[in-house]
Amino acid sequence: MNLFARAGVIPLVLLAIQGGTMAQENDLRKALTFHASFDHGTDADFALGDRRLYTASSYENRNDAKPGIGNPDVGIISGRGRFGDALQFKKKNTMAIYYQAENNVAYQTANWSGTVSLWLSLDPDKDLQPGYCDPLQVTDKDYNNAAIWVDFTKDDKPRHFRLGVFGDLKVWNPKGLEPDQNPAFLQRLIVVTKPPFASGQWTHVAIAFSGLNSSGHGGVARLFLNGRLQGTTQEIREPFTWDVGRAAIRLGVNYVGLYDEVAVFNRALSDNEIQTLYRLKNGVRSLHP
């Protein structure tokens, strides 16, 4: 027998690791504001705001929004999720499918921080149709106006995966330049040229942002894939002005593939906490208060 094991050192180390993990999970539990697993329908499992998923014909005009899935090419598929069931986008989704952000996202007019987490399963080069695809947008207006999003590019092979975090459009883009010709847009992005997405496997995506709507030093955002940091943005100094009643957690813009475990936290999680979140054996359901 190993001398350290005989002395009880290894069990003590394991207990310390387990205790640290439990403490991290407890901290994550306190920070959780929203979680949709799709295991019991479309309503969120946990939410500080409206639990219902909505569908509208477009984000520009949501007067026809109704609770539930209103797109016949979108549905819940049993047993195919990262944990339990999953939301499936069978064809390119051009409708507005979203959860209300009010209270589910802890938006602040000063020093706003948070984390958004989700799991995706797709082969971007085979499954996605032509054009940009944004699996997630969090905004009250558009992708370039007080918004947090991730997307797949349209022309690259393999398709790149990007994080974009942009405040009020007129502040960061006063000349109204097109994105592809605007250094202020291109230099802000976090770009993963060979992302680890593949058919038949799940990839964890996490966005942690801190200090948005802060005067002076500004804020930053970080992108993680499968628990690993992919990059950190430049300082983000412009304001994020929301009409909170119109803000939404937008799912699957032009997306085709499987979608699971959408979760939101009220602060920027640390690198170690992102790792803990990625490795949860039973998913975010184990964090419900």
Protein backbone atom coordinates (compact mmCIF):
# COMPACT_ATOMS: atom_id res chain seq x y z
CA MET A 1 0.00 0.00 0.00
CA ASN A 2 1.21 3.52 -0.81
CA LEU A 3 2.59 5.26 2.27
CA PHE A 4 0.40 8.33 1.72
CA ALA A 5 -2.72 6.21 1.30
CA ARG A 6 -1.85 4.30 4.50
CA ALA A 7 -1.53 7.58 6.33
CA GLY A 8 -4.95 8.69 5.09
CA VAL A 9 -3.58 11.52 2.96
CA ILE A 10 -5.35 10.54 -0.28
CA PRO A 11 -8.83 10.25 1.31
CA LEU A 12 -8.28 13.65 2.92
CA VAL A 13 -7.33 15.15 -0.46
CA LEU A 14 -10.42 13.63 -2.06
CA LEU A 15 -12.61 14.99 0.70
CA ALA A 16 -11.08 18.42 0.21
CA ILE A 17 -11.77 18.28 -3.55
CA GLN A 18 -15.35 17.13 -2.98
CA GLY A 19 -15.86 19.83 -0.39
CA GLY A 20 -14.55 22.46 -2.79
CA THR A 21 -16.87 21.25 -5.54
CA MET A 22 -19.88 21.29 -3.22
CA ALA A 23 -19.02 24.83 -2.14
CA GLN A 24 -18.78 25.91 -5.78
CA GLU A 25 -22.12 24.29 -6.59
CA ASN A 26 -23.68 26.12 -3.65
CA ASP A 27 -22.29 29.42 -4.96
CA LEU A 28 -23.68 28.60 -8.42
CA ARG A 29 -27.07 27.81 -6.88
CA LYS A 30 -27.19 31.25 -5.25
CA ALA A 31 -26.38 32.95 -8.56
CA LEU A 32 -28.89 31.05 -10.75
CA THR A 33 -31.74 33.16 -12.14
CA PHE A 34 -33.08 31.00 -14.99
CA HIS A 35 -32.91 27.40 -16.25
CA ALA A 36 -34.79 25.64 -19.05
CA SER A 37 -34.04 21.93 -19.46
CA PHE A 38 -36.90 21.10 -21.90
CA ASP A 39 -37.46 17.90 -19.90
CA HIS A 40 -40.99 18.89 -18.85
CA GLY A 41 -42.16 20.89 -21.84
CA THR A 42 -41.13 24.36 -22.87
CA ASP A 43 -41.67 26.17 -19.57
CA ALA A 44 -38.46 26.93 -17.68
CA ASP A 45 -37.70 24.63 -14.75
CA PHE A 46 -36.57 27.60 -12.65
CA ALA A 47 -37.08 31.30 -13.30
CA LEU A 48 -37.17 34.55 -11.38
CA GLY A 49 -39.31 35.98 -14.17
CA ASP A 50 -41.78 34.57 -16.70
CA ARG A 51 -41.19 30.82 -17.19
CA ARG A 52 -42.97 30.56 -20.53
CA LEU A 53 -41.38 30.14 -23.95
CA TYR A 54 -42.95 32.36 -26.62
CA THR A 55 -43.18 32.25 -30.41
CA ALA A 56 -43.82 35.24 -32.67
CA SER A 57 -43.58 35.73 -36.41
CA SER A 58 -40.55 38.02 -35.98
CA TYR A 59 -38.62 39.99 -33.38
CA GLU A 60 -39.42 43.27 -35.10
CA ASN A 61 -43.13 42.88 -34.36
CA ARG A 62 -44.07 40.61 -31.48
CA ASN A 63 -47.74 41.57 -31.30
CA ASP A 64 -48.67 38.04 -32.40
CA ALA A 65 -46.53 36.35 -29.72
CA LYS A 66 -48.11 33.34 -28.03
CA PRO A 67 -46.83 30.99 -25.32
CA GLY A 68 -45.37 27.70 -26.53
CA ILE A 69 -43.78 26.55 -29.76
CA GLY A 70 -45.53 28.00 -32.79
CA ASN A 71 -43.09 26.79 -35.43
CA PRO A 72 -43.90 23.30 -36.80
CA ASP A 73 -40.21 22.73 -37.50
CA VAL A 74 -39.30 23.16 -33.83
CA GLY A 75 -40.19 20.72 -31.06
CA ILE A 76 -39.03 18.73 -28.07
CA ILE A 77 -37.40 15.40 -28.82
CA SER A 78 -37.42 12.76 -26.10
CA GLY A 79 -34.17 11.40 -24.68
CA ARG A 80 -31.89 13.18 -27.13
CA GLY A 81 -30.72 16.00 -24.87
CA ARG A 82 -27.45 16.48 -23.08
CA PHE A 83 -29.57 15.59 -20.08
CA GLY A 84 -33.04 14.15 -20.73
CA ASP A 85 -34.96 15.77 -23.59
CA ALA A 86 -33.84 18.47 -26.02
CA LEU A 87 -35.26 21.29 -28.11
CA GLN A 88 -34.90 20.35 -31.79
CA PHE A 89 -34.73 22.78 -34.71
CA LYS A 90 -35.39 20.63 -37.79
CA LYS A 91 -35.12 23.40 -40.38
CA LYS A 92 -33.69 26.92 -40.47
CA ASN A 93 -35.65 28.84 -37.86
CA THR A 94 -36.71 32.31 -39.00
CA MET A 95 -39.38 32.86 -36.34
CA ALA A 96 -38.94 34.52 -32.95
CA ILE A 97 -38.59 31.87 -30.23
CA TYR A 98 -37.68 33.33 -26.87
CA TYR A 99 -38.02 33.68 -23.12
CA GLN A 100 -38.67 37.06 -21.54
CA ALA A 101 -35.45 38.48 -20.11
CA GLU A 102 -37.05 40.61 -17.40
CA ASN A 103 -35.90 39.24 -14.01
CA ASN A 104 -34.59 36.08 -15.72
CA VAL A 105 -31.55 38.14 -16.73
CA ALA A 106 -30.27 40.32 -13.88
CA TYR A 107 -29.90 43.43 -16.06
CA GLN A 108 -28.44 46.45 -14.30
CA THR A 109 -28.09 50.04 -15.46
CA ALA A 110 -24.71 50.17 -13.69
CA ASN A 111 -22.01 47.51 -13.34
CA TRP A 112 -23.99 44.72 -15.04
CA SER A 113 -22.50 41.23 -14.86
CA GLY A 114 -23.77 37.74 -15.62
CA THR A 115 -23.26 34.38 -17.30
CA VAL A 116 -25.29 32.54 -19.94
CA SER A 117 -24.82 28.80 -20.47
CA LEU A 118 -26.23 26.38 -23.06
CA TRP A 119 -25.49 23.10 -24.84
CA LEU A 120 -25.59 22.64 -28.63
CA SER A 121 -25.40 19.52 -30.81
CA LEU A 122 -24.92 19.97 -34.55
CA ASP A 123 -22.46 19.78 -37.43
CA PRO A 124 -22.37 23.44 -38.51
CA ASP A 125 -20.99 22.73 -41.98
CA LYS A 126 -23.58 20.06 -42.77
CA ASP A 127 -26.67 21.08 -40.79
CA LEU A 128 -26.84 24.86 -41.12
CA GLN A 129 -28.33 26.49 -44.17
CA PRO A 130 -26.68 29.47 -45.92
CA GLY A 131 -26.32 32.67 -43.95
CA TYR A 132 -25.31 33.63 -40.44
CA CYS A 133 -26.77 31.60 -37.56
CA ASP A 134 -27.11 32.93 -34.01
CA PRO A 135 -27.93 30.11 -31.58
CA LEU A 136 -28.35 32.73 -28.85
CA GLN A 137 -29.08 36.45 -28.64
CA VAL A 138 -29.84 38.40 -25.47
CA THR A 139 -31.16 41.85 -26.38
CA ASP A 140 -34.21 44.09 -26.61
CA LYS A 141 -33.47 45.32 -30.15
CA ASP A 142 -31.01 43.64 -32.53
CA TYR A 143 -27.72 41.76 -32.62
CA ASN A 144 -25.73 45.00 -32.97
CA ASN A 145 -27.64 47.13 -30.45
CA ALA A 146 -27.27 46.46 -26.70
CA ALA A 147 -26.83 42.74 -27.33
CA ILE A 148 -24.91 39.65 -26.26
CA TRP A 149 -24.75 36.80 -28.78
CA VAL A 150 -22.90 33.87 -30.29
CA ASP A 151 -23.02 32.98 -33.97
CA PHE A 152 -21.71 30.74 -36.73
CA THR A 153 -20.29 32.61 -39.73
CA LYS A 154 -21.77 32.11 -43.17
CA ASP A 155 -18.85 31.64 -45.58
CA ASP A 156 -15.92 30.19 -43.63
CA LYS A 157 -15.06 26.51 -43.94
CA PRO A 158 -15.22 25.29 -41.29
CA ARG A 159 -17.70 27.86 -40.04
CA HIS A 160 -16.22 30.04 -37.33
CA PHE A 161 -17.95 30.45 -33.98
CA ARG A 162 -17.99 33.97 -32.54
CA LEU A 163 -18.95 35.91 -29.44
CA GLY A 164 -20.26 39.43 -29.87
CA VAL A 165 -21.05 41.89 -27.07
CA PHE A 166 -22.11 45.34 -28.27
CA GLY A 167 -23.81 48.18 -26.43
CA ASP A 168 -25.89 51.02 -27.84
CA LEU A 169 -25.45 51.10 -31.61
CA LYS A 170 -25.20 54.87 -32.02
CA VAL A 171 -22.40 55.00 -29.45
CA TRP A 172 -20.08 52.26 -30.71
CA ASN A 173 -20.94 52.76 -34.42
CA PRO A 174 -21.72 56.50 -34.82
CA LYS A 175 -20.99 56.47 -38.58
CA GLY A 176 -23.36 53.57 -39.26
CA LEU A 177 -20.71 51.40 -40.93
CA GLU A 178 -21.56 47.90 -42.12
CA PRO A 179 -20.23 45.21 -39.75
CA ASP A 180 -17.78 43.58 -42.19
CA GLN A 181 -16.19 46.97 -42.92
CA ASN A 182 -16.15 48.25 -39.36
CA PRO A 183 -12.99 47.74 -37.26
CA ALA A 184 -15.01 48.62 -34.15
CA PHE A 185 -17.13 45.54 -34.86
CA LEU A 186 -14.48 43.10 -36.06
CA GLN A 187 -11.93 43.84 -33.34
CA ARG A 188 -14.49 43.33 -30.58
CA LEU A 189 -15.36 39.76 -31.59
CA ILE A 190 -13.98 36.60 -30.03
CA VAL A 191 -13.52 34.21 -32.98
CA VAL A 192 -12.97 30.44 -32.74
CA THR A 193 -11.82 29.27 -36.16
CA LYS A 194 -12.07 25.53 -35.44
CA PRO A 195 -14.86 25.11 -32.89
CA PRO A 196 -15.47 21.61 -31.41
CA PHE A 197 -19.03 21.14 -32.72
CA ALA A 198 -19.87 17.81 -34.38
CA SER A 199 -22.87 15.68 -35.21
CA GLY A 200 -23.82 13.27 -32.43
CA GLN A 201 -21.97 15.09 -29.65
CA TRP A 202 -22.78 17.96 -27.30
CA THR A 203 -20.74 21.14 -26.90
CA HIS A 204 -21.07 23.42 -23.89
CA VAL A 205 -21.12 27.18 -24.52
CA ALA A 206 -20.73 29.73 -21.73
CA ILE A 207 -20.56 33.52 -21.91
CA ALA A 208 -19.38 35.36 -18.80
CA PHE A 209 -19.53 39.16 -18.81
CA SER A 210 -18.70 41.72 -16.15
CA GLY A 211 -18.70 45.46 -15.66
CA LEU A 212 -21.06 46.39 -18.50
CA ASN A 213 -22.73 49.78 -18.07
CA SER A 214 -19.76 50.87 -15.97
CA SER A 215 -18.32 54.35 -16.21
CA GLY A 216 -14.57 54.66 -16.59
CA HIS A 217 -12.85 51.32 -17.15
CA GLY A 218 -15.74 49.59 -18.97
CA GLY A 219 -16.53 45.88 -19.02
CA VAL A 220 -15.33 42.66 -20.63
CA ALA A 221 -16.81 39.34 -21.77
CA ARG A 222 -15.28 35.86 -22.00
CA LEU A 223 -16.24 32.89 -24.18
CA PHE A 224 -15.85 29.29 -23.01
CA LEU A 225 -16.34 26.07 -25.01
CA ASN A 226 -16.44 22.78 -23.10
CA GLY A 227 -15.15 24.57 -20.03
CA ARG A 228 -12.12 26.08 -21.75
CA LEU A 229 -11.56 29.80 -22.17
CA GLN A 230 -11.48 30.79 -25.85
CA GLY A 231 -10.84 34.51 -25.43
CA THR A 232 -11.65 37.77 -23.69
CA THR A 233 -13.01 40.87 -25.39
CA GLN A 234 -11.46 44.30 -25.40
CA GLU A 235 -12.91 46.76 -22.89
CA ILE A 236 -16.55 47.51 -23.62
CA ARG A 237 -17.20 51.13 -22.71
CA GLU A 238 -20.49 52.04 -24.40
CA PRO A 239 -23.77 51.81 -22.44
CA PHE A 240 -26.32 48.99 -22.80
CA THR A 241 -29.70 50.70 -22.71
CA TRP A 242 -32.62 48.27 -22.52
CA ASP A 243 -36.37 48.52 -22.54
CA VAL A 244 -36.45 45.61 -20.10
CA GLY A 245 -40.03 44.70 -20.98
CA ARG A 246 -38.95 43.97 -24.56
CA ALA A 247 -35.65 42.26 -23.76
CA ALA A 248 -35.54 38.56 -24.60
CA ILE A 249 -33.40 35.44 -24.42
CA ARG A 250 -33.63 34.56 -28.10
CA LEU A 251 -33.11 30.93 -29.08
CA GLY A 252 -32.03 29.44 -32.40
CA VAL A 253 -31.97 32.38 -34.82
CA ASN A 254 -31.55 30.63 -38.22
CA TYR A 255 -30.46 27.55 -36.26
CA VAL A 256 -30.69 23.86 -37.20
CA GLY A 257 -29.75 21.25 -34.59
CA LEU A 258 -30.36 20.22 -30.99
CA TYR A 259 -30.46 22.66 -28.09
CA ASP A 260 -30.45 22.01 -24.34
CA GLU A 261 -29.90 23.34 -20.82
CA VAL A 262 -30.24 27.12 -21.13
CA ALA A 263 -29.15 28.73 -17.87
CA VAL A 264 -28.51 32.29 -16.70
CA PHE A 265 -26.59 33.49 -13.63
CA ASN A 266 -26.53 36.92 -12.01
CA ARG A 267 -22.75 37.34 -12.03
CA ALA A 268 -19.72 36.47 -14.13
CA LEU A 269 -18.67 32.96 -13.14
CA SER A 270 -14.99 32.26 -12.60
CA ASP A 271 -12.98 29.89 -14.79
CA ASN A 272 -13.24 27.19 -12.12
CA GLU A 273 -16.99 27.71 -11.77
CA ILE A 274 -17.43 27.37 -15.54
CA GLN A 275 -15.55 24.06 -15.29
CA THR A 276 -17.86 22.95 -12.47
CA LEU A 277 -20.91 23.95 -14.52
CA TYR A 278 -19.60 22.04 -17.54
CA ARG A 279 -19.00 18.90 -15.46
CA LEU A 280 -22.30 18.77 -13.54
CA LYS A 281 -23.38 15.11 -13.72
CA ASN A 282 -27.11 15.88 -13.72
CA GLY A 283 -27.01 19.28 -15.35
CA VAL A 284 -28.26 22.56 -13.91
CA ARG A 285 -31.28 20.88 -12.31
CA SER A 286 -28.96 19.96 -9.41
CA LEU A 287 -28.51 23.69 -8.71
CA HIS A 288 -32.17 24.57 -8.27
CA PRO A 289 -32.63 26.42 -4.96
